[in-house]
Amino acid sequence: MPNIRFYINKGSKDKDGLVTILAKMTLNYKSYYKKIDKILLRHWNLKQQRVRPNRESESYNRFKEINSTIDQLESNVKDFNNYCNLSKETFTEKHIQELLNGQKIDKLSNVDFKQAFQEFIDNGKNTKAYNTTRNITTIFNYLVAFQKETNYNISLNSIDLQFFDLLVDYSYNSKKIRNNYFAKIIAVLKSFLIWAADRNYYSGNEHLKFKAAEKDITPITLTVDEFKTLYNFNFKSKKHQKVRDIFCFGCLTGLRYSDLQQLRREHIQEDCILKTTQKIKEPVKIPLVNFSRKIIERYQEQPIYVLPRMSNQKFNEYLKIICEDVKLKRPIVIDNFKGNKFTQEAKLLYDVMTAHVARKTFITLSVFMGMKIKVVQEITGITQEKTLRKYLTIADEMKKNEMEDTWGKL
């Protein structure tokens, strides 16, 4: 596929000492050119193929505008190269002329669904957190399995309500997945289609009719007493103690497991955690308290990371074991929504413990103990009121139980 390159035509210097910036594309040993603008020769960065900013003593050389034109041309060529790779369309002289002239190229709608989705995943690796990309990849694999098991070929021309109905039937009746996971599948699919539409791979709008609402499920969290019991428990195993410390530190900071594992010594400043979180790419400032300071002190010999490190999978396995040892056996009712079917399943608390319960516990206990909602949002990065609402309900229920335990004894 032809690429585009930018260079200075040194032989084009005019009476003002300006030289021409040229764009060049080559196809089948024939070269095509476009004049971009004129600049002083010393303003050209040969390696970057961009215009340098002018000196303070010089007149403005329009480097921003010229570089913007170059960036757009380069981006258009790259996008069309990707499109040709996906659709097997041949790059022609007409395409080059249209690209160099800044014209919009009519793209055929025969881009392969799987290749386009893989490009969507690959592009997202530059901007999305690792776990987000991994979750999107899992959903992509789910859609590939749907094609294989149903003999339905997904194409960017066949995404309509008939496809949606088949996916609903496959998800709820064959795979027995929960409503909330199906809602995530549809959310990712819609994001992909918006991305594809921006690149002219997809021109439909049937996906706007896809409805898959999440069901509110009561989050699993620890009570104050359960947290204290776990925090103060004397484990004989060093491994179990480390798992407890990681989990409790999450309860005390609201950090996700990925951020706990990447927490470094330099992130601890002025008795606070100052860190840009992996998921939302925003800095947070979390004050330390005595409970969290003591955990940090236990691992002072670690030169780089604040906490012990282990895989999320292993951590969750050990967490269930230590919570059973601590006798966290409060009965838990799990609500399951699968299509139009609703069931409830009885479990014991230790059996449903995962790393994410730590963050949920931080939110719930912070609200319960009187932390302002705005502060909770700033620490956790949660902006949606809907997300916080379910935690407020749990905190209110805790207060009700505390009142009953206290005043009910009179």
Foldseek 3Di string as FASTA:
>chain_A
DKAKAKDWDCVQQDPVQWTWIKIWIDDPNDIDIDTQDIDHPVQADPVVNFGHADDPVDDGGCRVVSVVVVVVLRVVVVLVVLLCVQQVDDDDPVNVVCSSVVHDDQGDQRGAPLSLLVVVLVVCVVPAFPVVSVLLVVLSVVVVVLCVVVVDGDGLVPPAVVVLVSVLCCVQPVVNDFLQVVVVSLVSVVVSQVVCVVSVNHDDDRSVVRDRDDDDWQADADDPVLLVLLLPDDDPDPVLNQLSLLLSLCLQQLAASVCLQQAWPVLCDPQWGWDQHRGPRHTATTHDDPSNVVSQVVPVVDHTHSGDDDDQVVSLVSQLVSSVVSVQFCKDWGWGHRPPDIDIDIGGSSVPDGSNNSSLNNLLVCVLVPPDPVSNCRRNVDDDPVVSVSSNVVSVVVVVVVCCVVVVVD
